[in-house]
Amino acid sequence: MRFPSKETVERIRKEYPVGTRVELVQMDDPQAPPVGTKGIVRGVDDIGSIMVAWDNGCGLSVAYGEDICRRCDHD
């Protein structure tokens, strides 16, 4: 896995600020919540992973370059 630049991490933090509602699109992990699960962003770590408190109680982060979520706070 390739780590993002500091600029990329800052862009992700601006795009997904704390409190943003997101929906899981894809996660390659056997413990992943189901696609379509929604949650609230708790932050973005230094390697660009979006830390999410999923509505189903799962705490897995959305890994930069591997997993996909989308903002749904405007839905």
C-alpha atoms as a PDB file:
ATOM      1  CA  MET A   1       0.000   0.000   0.000  1.00  0.00           C
ATOM      2  CA  ARG A   2       1.260   3.429  -0.900  1.00  0.00           C
ATOM      3  CA  PHE A   3       0.817   6.205   1.656  1.00  0.00           C
ATOM      4  CA  PRO A   4      -0.713   9.515   0.551  1.00  0.00           C
ATOM      5  CA  SER A   5       1.135  12.827   0.650  1.00  0.00           C
ATOM      6  CA  LYS A   6       0.451  15.337   3.425  1.00  0.00           C
ATOM      7  CA  GLU A   7      -1.438  17.437   0.878  1.00  0.00           C
ATOM      8  CA  THR A   8      -3.693  14.500   0.007  1.00  0.00           C
ATOM      9  CA  VAL A   9      -4.408  13.810   3.689  1.00  0.00           C
ATOM     10  CA  GLU A  10      -5.339  17.471   4.195  1.00  0.00           C
ATOM     11  CA  ARG A  11      -7.660  17.318   1.160  1.00  0.00           C
ATOM     12  CA  ILE A  12      -9.373  14.229   2.593  1.00  0.00           C
ATOM     13  CA  ARG A  13      -9.753  15.976   5.970  1.00  0.00           C
ATOM     14  CA  LYS A  14     -11.423  18.955   4.277  1.00  0.00           C
ATOM     15  CA  GLU A  15     -13.700  16.699   2.227  1.00  0.00           C
ATOM     16  CA  TYR A  16     -14.656  14.509   5.221  1.00  0.00           C
ATOM     17  CA  PRO A  17     -14.675  16.725   8.340  1.00  0.00           C
ATOM     18  CA  VAL A  18     -15.617  15.308  11.739  1.00  0.00           C
ATOM     19  CA  GLY A  19     -19.385  14.821  11.955  1.00  0.00           C
ATOM     20  CA  THR A  20     -19.918  14.177   8.231  1.00  0.00           C
ATOM     21  CA  ARG A  21     -22.422  11.412   7.400  1.00  0.00           C
ATOM     22  CA  VAL A  22     -21.010   8.773   5.054  1.00  0.00           C
ATOM     23  CA  GLU A  23     -22.242   5.592   3.395  1.00  0.00           C
ATOM     24  CA  LEU A  24     -20.053   2.560   2.759  1.00  0.00           C
ATOM     25  CA  VAL A  25     -19.640   1.731  -0.933  1.00  0.00           C
ATOM     26  CA  GLN A  26     -16.874  -0.885  -0.752  1.00  0.00           C
ATOM     27  CA  MET A  27     -14.623  -2.392   1.929  1.00  0.00           C
ATOM     28  CA  ASP A  28     -12.350  -5.387   1.416  1.00  0.00           C
ATOM     29  CA  ASP A  29     -12.418  -6.881   4.915  1.00  0.00           C
ATOM     30  CA  PRO A  30     -14.211  -9.975   6.234  1.00  0.00           C
ATOM     31  CA  GLN A  31     -15.380  -7.948   9.259  1.00  0.00           C
ATOM     32  CA  ALA A  32     -16.627  -5.033   7.142  1.00  0.00           C
ATOM     33  CA  PRO A  33     -20.102  -3.661   7.710  1.00  0.00           C
ATOM     34  CA  PRO A  34     -22.540  -4.347   4.859  1.00  0.00           C
ATOM     35  CA  VAL A  35     -22.379  -2.098   1.794  1.00  0.00           C
ATOM     36  CA  GLY A  36     -24.846   0.738   2.318  1.00  0.00           C
ATOM     37  CA  THR A  37     -24.153   1.024   6.056  1.00  0.00           C
ATOM     38  CA  LYS A  38     -24.054   4.646   7.180  1.00  0.00           C
ATOM     39  CA  GLY A  39     -21.973   6.284   9.862  1.00  0.00           C
ATOM     40  CA  ILE A  40     -20.390   9.467  11.179  1.00  0.00           C
ATOM     41  CA  VAL A  41     -16.799  10.516  10.487  1.00  0.00           C
ATOM     42  CA  ARG A  42     -14.700  10.690  13.676  1.00  0.00           C
ATOM     43  CA  GLY A  43     -11.597  11.954  11.894  1.00  0.00           C
ATOM     44  CA  VAL A  44      -8.939  11.219   9.285  1.00  0.00           C
ATOM     45  CA  ASP A  45      -5.647   9.694  10.422  1.00  0.00           C
ATOM     46  CA  ASP A  46      -2.151  10.529   9.157  1.00  0.00           C
ATOM     47  CA  ILE A  47      -2.271   7.846   6.437  1.00  0.00           C
ATOM     48  CA  GLY A  48      -5.571   9.113   5.023  1.00  0.00           C
ATOM     49  CA  SER A  49      -7.899   6.504   6.515  1.00  0.00           C
ATOM     50  CA  ILE A  50     -11.342   7.875   7.345  1.00  0.00           C
ATOM     51  CA  MET A  51     -12.271   6.846  10.888  1.00  0.00           C
ATOM     52  CA  VAL A  52     -16.008   6.155  11.044  1.00  0.00           C
ATOM     53  CA  ALA A  53     -18.452   5.306  13.829  1.00  0.00           C
ATOM     54  CA  TRP A  54     -20.746   3.062  11.788  1.00  0.00           C
ATOM     55  CA  ASP A  55     -24.432   2.990  12.750  1.00  0.00           C
ATOM     56  CA  ASN A  56     -24.228  -0.792  13.300  1.00  0.00           C
ATOM     57  CA  GLY A  57     -21.481  -0.388  15.923  1.00  0.00           C
ATOM     58  CA  CYS A  58     -18.549  -1.363  13.707  1.00  0.00           C
ATOM     59  CA  GLY A  59     -15.417   0.734  14.120  1.00  0.00           C
ATOM     60  CA  LEU A  60     -13.412  -0.168  11.004  1.00  0.00           C
ATOM     61  CA  SER A  61     -11.847   2.742   9.139  1.00  0.00           C
ATOM     62  CA  VAL A  62     -12.170   3.356   5.415  1.00  0.00           C
ATOM     63  CA  ALA A  63      -8.619   2.693   4.177  1.00  0.00           C
ATOM     64  CA  TYR A  64      -7.140   5.191   1.723  1.00  0.00           C
ATOM     65  CA  GLY A  65      -6.718   3.664  -1.730  1.00  0.00           C
ATOM     66  CA  GLU A  66      -8.493   0.424  -0.767  1.00  0.00           C
ATOM     67  CA  ASP A  67     -12.017   1.103   0.504  1.00  0.00           C
ATOM     68  CA  ILE A  68     -14.698   3.507  -0.705  1.00  0.00           C
ATOM     69  CA  CYS A  69     -17.298   5.607   1.080  1.00  0.00           C
ATOM     70  CA  ARG A  70     -19.346   8.569  -0.037  1.00  0.00           C
ATOM     71  CA  ARG A  71     -20.753  11.580   1.720  1.00  0.00           C
ATOM     72  CA  CYS A  72     -24.466  11.286   2.313  1.00  0.00           C
ATOM     73  CA  ASP A  73     -25.038  14.361   4.468  1.00  0.00           C
ATOM     74  CA  HIS A  74     -26.600  16.111   1.458  1.00  0.00           C
ATOM     75  CA  ASP A  75     -29.061  13.288   0.669  1.00  0.00           C
END
